[in-house]
Amino acid sequence: GIPHEGVFETLVRHVVESSMWRKLSPQMVSNLLWACSRVGVTDVPFFEAIAEYIKQHASSFDNQNIANCAWAYSVAELPNKIIFDSLADAAMERLSSFRLDELCGLFSSFARARVAGSRIFEAAIDVLMPRAAQLDA
């Protein structure tokens, strides 16, 4: 593991207890979720607070923010269907603008989280079929 996991644990506790999470930008939320999941810090109150943020602000996330948040929740093994639905709604509005690496990461995260019935998988076919030749490149 990472030798400074305690730093992340202290940080996320502060972010939750001070309600700082309400003031973060989508980029900061995405980066913080990604970093915490990357080092194995899956503090449930933190992920629940960020879930509330995502429900309120998912439409203002960029493609990478959406993909990162989906990845973080799937790696943390916290497959909150409401969060994945919020991220799917935000992604569906502009799915064709995702780069292939973002799409692959997004779909992989939804699959890893085993979020049943997500519309994103149906949309994947429509988005990926015209770009299939690029997948082998």
C-alpha atoms as a PDB file:
ATOM      1  CA  GLY A   1       0.000   0.000   0.000  1.00  0.00           C
ATOM      2  CA  ILE A   2       0.830   3.652  -0.022  1.00  0.00           C
ATOM      3  CA  PRO A   3       2.714   4.704   3.125  1.00  0.00           C
ATOM      4  CA  HIS A   4       0.617   7.833   3.639  1.00  0.00           C
ATOM      5  CA  GLU A   5      -2.885   6.384   3.717  1.00  0.00           C
ATOM      6  CA  GLY A   6      -3.394   8.163   7.038  1.00  0.00           C
ATOM      7  CA  VAL A   7      -3.039  11.506   5.286  1.00  0.00           C
ATOM      8  CA  PHE A   8      -5.908  10.630   2.957  1.00  0.00           C
ATOM      9  CA  GLU A   9      -8.027   9.344   5.849  1.00  0.00           C
ATOM     10  CA  THR A  10      -7.465  12.586   7.761  1.00  0.00           C
ATOM     11  CA  LEU A  11      -8.230  14.651   4.662  1.00  0.00           C
ATOM     12  CA  VAL A  12     -11.508  12.906   3.847  1.00  0.00           C
ATOM     13  CA  ARG A  13     -12.645  13.085   7.467  1.00  0.00           C
ATOM     14  CA  HIS A  14     -12.016  16.841   7.393  1.00  0.00           C
ATOM     15  CA  VAL A  15     -13.784  17.221   4.043  1.00  0.00           C
ATOM     16  CA  VAL A  16     -16.878  15.515   5.486  1.00  0.00           C
ATOM     17  CA  GLU A  17     -16.882  17.045   8.988  1.00  0.00           C
ATOM     18  CA  SER A  18     -16.355  20.600   7.712  1.00  0.00           C
ATOM     19  CA  SER A  19     -18.851  20.140   4.848  1.00  0.00           C
ATOM     20  CA  MET A  20     -16.062  21.252   2.538  1.00  0.00           C
ATOM     21  CA  TRP A  21     -17.324  18.714  -0.003  1.00  0.00           C
ATOM     22  CA  ARG A  22     -20.181  21.090  -0.786  1.00  0.00           C
ATOM     23  CA  LYS A  23     -17.706  23.737  -2.019  1.00  0.00           C
ATOM     24  CA  LEU A  24     -15.486  21.554  -4.211  1.00  0.00           C
ATOM     25  CA  SER A  25     -15.436  21.813  -7.985  1.00  0.00           C
ATOM     26  CA  PRO A  26     -16.363  18.767 -10.088  1.00  0.00           C
ATOM     27  CA  GLN A  27     -12.674  18.449 -10.978  1.00  0.00           C
ATOM     28  CA  MET A  28     -11.661  18.392  -7.304  1.00  0.00           C
ATOM     29  CA  VAL A  29     -14.345  15.832  -6.470  1.00  0.00           C
ATOM     30  CA  SER A  30     -13.220  13.631  -9.329  1.00  0.00           C
ATOM     31  CA  ASN A  31      -9.541  13.917  -8.398  1.00  0.00           C
ATOM     32  CA  LEU A  32     -10.134  13.315  -4.702  1.00  0.00           C
ATOM     33  CA  LEU A  33     -12.346  10.271  -5.336  1.00  0.00           C
ATOM     34  CA  TRP A  34      -9.821   8.855  -7.790  1.00  0.00           C
ATOM     35  CA  ALA A  35      -6.894   9.387  -5.397  1.00  0.00           C
ATOM     36  CA  CYS A  36      -8.700   7.881  -2.417  1.00  0.00           C
ATOM     37  CA  SER A  37      -9.770   4.817  -4.365  1.00  0.00           C
ATOM     38  CA  ARG A  38      -6.295   4.474  -5.818  1.00  0.00           C
ATOM     39  CA  VAL A  39      -4.722   4.226  -2.348  1.00  0.00           C
ATOM     40  CA  GLY A  40      -7.521   2.111  -0.893  1.00  0.00           C
ATOM     41  CA  VAL A  41      -9.176   4.737   1.289  1.00  0.00           C
ATOM     42  CA  THR A  42     -12.891   3.998   0.977  1.00  0.00           C
ATOM     43  CA  ASP A  43     -14.288   5.944   3.906  1.00  0.00           C
ATOM     44  CA  VAL A  44     -18.056   5.375   3.685  1.00  0.00           C
ATOM     45  CA  PRO A  45     -19.138   8.780   5.109  1.00  0.00           C
ATOM     46  CA  PHE A  46     -16.866  10.488   2.573  1.00  0.00           C
ATOM     47  CA  PHE A  47     -18.220   8.465  -0.352  1.00  0.00           C
ATOM     48  CA  GLU A  48     -21.789   9.107   0.868  1.00  0.00           C
ATOM     49  CA  ALA A  49     -21.166  12.867   1.070  1.00  0.00           C
ATOM     50  CA  ILE A  50     -19.638  12.881  -2.394  1.00  0.00           C
ATOM     51  CA  ALA A  51     -22.601  10.829  -3.634  1.00  0.00           C
ATOM     52  CA  GLU A  52     -24.848  13.691  -2.579  1.00  0.00           C
ATOM     53  CA  TYR A  53     -22.600  16.133  -4.457  1.00  0.00           C
ATOM     54  CA  ILE A  54     -22.671  13.976  -7.589  1.00  0.00           C
ATOM     55  CA  LYS A  55     -26.477  13.708  -7.496  1.00  0.00           C
ATOM     56  CA  GLN A  56     -26.682  17.510  -7.426  1.00  0.00           C
ATOM     57  CA  HIS A  57     -23.888  18.374  -9.868  1.00  0.00           C
ATOM     58  CA  ALA A  58     -23.289  15.438 -12.252  1.00  0.00           C
ATOM     59  CA  SER A  59     -24.497  17.442 -15.235  1.00  0.00           C
ATOM     60  CA  SER A  60     -21.621  19.908 -14.736  1.00  0.00           C
ATOM     61  CA  PHE A  61     -18.956  17.174 -14.765  1.00  0.00           C
ATOM     62  CA  ASP A  62     -16.796  16.794 -17.844  1.00  0.00           C
ATOM     63  CA  ASN A  63     -16.277  13.418 -19.499  1.00  0.00           C
ATOM     64  CA  GLN A  64     -13.137  12.577 -17.541  1.00  0.00           C
ATOM     65  CA  ASN A  65     -14.801  13.559 -14.243  1.00  0.00           C
ATOM     66  CA  ILE A  66     -17.693  11.201 -14.988  1.00  0.00           C
ATOM     67  CA  ALA A  67     -15.369   8.339 -15.905  1.00  0.00           C
ATOM     68  CA  ASN A  68     -13.147   8.929 -12.847  1.00  0.00           C
ATOM     69  CA  CYS A  69     -16.084   8.994 -10.432  1.00  0.00           C
ATOM     70  CA  ALA A  70     -17.556   5.803 -11.879  1.00  0.00           C
ATOM     71  CA  TRP A  71     -14.139   4.149 -11.619  1.00  0.00           C
ATOM     72  CA  ALA A  72     -13.664   5.293  -8.007  1.00  0.00           C
ATOM     73  CA  TYR A  73     -17.028   3.981  -6.820  1.00  0.00           C
ATOM     74  CA  SER A  74     -16.522   0.672  -8.625  1.00  0.00           C
ATOM     75  CA  VAL A  75     -12.987   0.163  -7.252  1.00  0.00           C
ATOM     76  CA  ALA A  76     -14.128   1.129  -3.760  1.00  0.00           C
ATOM     77  CA  GLU A  77     -16.814  -1.548  -4.138  1.00  0.00           C
ATOM     78  CA  LEU A  78     -19.503   0.964  -3.262  1.00  0.00           C
ATOM     79  CA  PRO A  79     -21.844   0.502  -6.234  1.00  0.00           C
ATOM     80  CA  ASN A  80     -24.482   3.046  -5.294  1.00  0.00           C
ATOM     81  CA  LYS A  81     -27.156   2.678  -8.010  1.00  0.00           C
ATOM     82  CA  ILE A  82     -28.300   6.275  -7.542  1.00  0.00           C
ATOM     83  CA  ILE A  83     -24.750   7.521  -8.186  1.00  0.00           C
ATOM     84  CA  PHE A  84     -24.315   5.340 -11.240  1.00  0.00           C
ATOM     85  CA  ASP A  85     -27.713   6.497 -12.533  1.00  0.00           C
ATOM     86  CA  SER A  86     -26.669  10.141 -12.022  1.00  0.00           C
ATOM     87  CA  LEU A  87     -23.373   9.544 -13.804  1.00  0.00           C
ATOM     88  CA  ALA A  88     -25.152   7.650 -16.604  1.00  0.00           C
ATOM     89  CA  ASP A  89     -27.633  10.500 -17.069  1.00  0.00           C
ATOM     90  CA  ALA A  90     -24.781  13.017 -17.330  1.00  0.00           C
ATOM     91  CA  ALA A  91     -22.824  10.788 -19.712  1.00  0.00           C
ATOM     92  CA  MET A  92     -25.800   9.954 -21.923  1.00  0.00           C
ATOM     93  CA  GLU A  93     -26.268  13.628 -22.777  1.00  0.00           C
ATOM     94  CA  ARG A  94     -22.891  13.629 -24.533  1.00  0.00           C
ATOM     95  CA  LEU A  95     -21.743  10.031 -24.883  1.00  0.00           C
ATOM     96  CA  SER A  96     -20.590  10.542 -28.468  1.00  0.00           C
ATOM     97  CA  SER A  97     -18.108  13.205 -27.278  1.00  0.00           C
ATOM     98  CA  PHE A  98     -16.230  10.757 -25.028  1.00  0.00           C
ATOM     99  CA  ARG A  99     -12.789   9.665 -26.199  1.00  0.00           C
ATOM    100  CA  LEU A 100     -12.436   5.912 -26.623  1.00  0.00           C
ATOM    101  CA  ASP A 101     -10.300   5.576 -23.475  1.00  0.00           C
ATOM    102  CA  GLU A 102     -12.956   7.454 -21.483  1.00  0.00           C
ATOM    103  CA  LEU A 103     -15.710   5.243 -22.918  1.00  0.00           C
ATOM    104  CA  CYS A 104     -13.810   2.058 -22.155  1.00  0.00           C
ATOM    105  CA  GLY A 105     -13.104   3.224 -18.616  1.00  0.00           C
ATOM    106  CA  LEU A 106     -16.704   4.269 -18.096  1.00  0.00           C
ATOM    107  CA  PHE A 107     -18.204   1.032 -19.399  1.00  0.00           C
ATOM    108  CA  SER A 108     -15.653  -1.031 -17.490  1.00  0.00           C
ATOM    109  CA  SER A 109     -16.551   0.763 -14.261  1.00  0.00           C
ATOM    110  CA  PHE A 110     -20.266   0.196 -14.772  1.00  0.00           C
ATOM    111  CA  ALA A 111     -19.607  -3.479 -15.471  1.00  0.00           C
ATOM    112  CA  ARG A 112     -17.301  -3.844 -12.434  1.00  0.00           C
ATOM    113  CA  ALA A 113     -19.948  -2.245 -10.224  1.00  0.00           C
ATOM    114  CA  ARG A 114     -22.544  -4.682 -11.569  1.00  0.00           C
ATOM    115  CA  VAL A 115     -25.151  -1.954 -11.781  1.00  0.00           C
ATOM    116  CA  ALA A 116     -28.115  -3.816 -13.197  1.00  0.00           C
ATOM    117  CA  GLY A 117     -30.326  -2.268 -15.811  1.00  0.00           C
ATOM    118  CA  SER A 118     -28.157   0.705 -16.669  1.00  0.00           C
ATOM    119  CA  ARG A 119     -29.145   2.314 -19.961  1.00  0.00           C
ATOM    120  CA  ILE A 120     -25.497   3.060 -20.589  1.00  0.00           C
ATOM    121  CA  PHE A 121     -24.834  -0.438 -21.914  1.00  0.00           C
ATOM    122  CA  GLU A 122     -27.539  -0.099 -24.562  1.00  0.00           C
ATOM    123  CA  ALA A 123     -26.155   3.274 -25.556  1.00  0.00           C
ATOM    124  CA  ALA A 124     -22.661   1.781 -25.750  1.00  0.00           C
ATOM    125  CA  ILE A 125     -23.629  -0.235 -28.796  1.00  0.00           C
ATOM    126  CA  ASP A 126     -24.938   2.820 -30.639  1.00  0.00           C
ATOM    127  CA  VAL A 127     -21.845   4.840 -29.786  1.00  0.00           C
ATOM    128  CA  LEU A 128     -19.188   2.183 -30.291  1.00  0.00           C
ATOM    129  CA  MET A 129     -20.392   0.474 -33.485  1.00  0.00           C
ATOM    130  CA  PRO A 130     -19.589   3.434 -35.757  1.00  0.00           C
ATOM    131  CA  ARG A 131     -16.185   3.712 -34.044  1.00  0.00           C
ATOM    132  CA  ALA A 132     -15.362  -0.010 -33.989  1.00  0.00           C
ATOM    133  CA  ALA A 133     -12.495   0.327 -36.482  1.00  0.00           C
ATOM    134  CA  GLN A 134     -10.781   2.751 -34.110  1.00  0.00           C
ATOM    135  CA  LEU A 135     -10.875   0.201 -31.274  1.00  0.00           C
ATOM    136  CA  ASP A 136      -8.253  -1.983 -32.951  1.00  0.00           C
ATOM    137  CA  ALA A 137      -5.997   0.950 -33.827  1.00  0.00           C
END
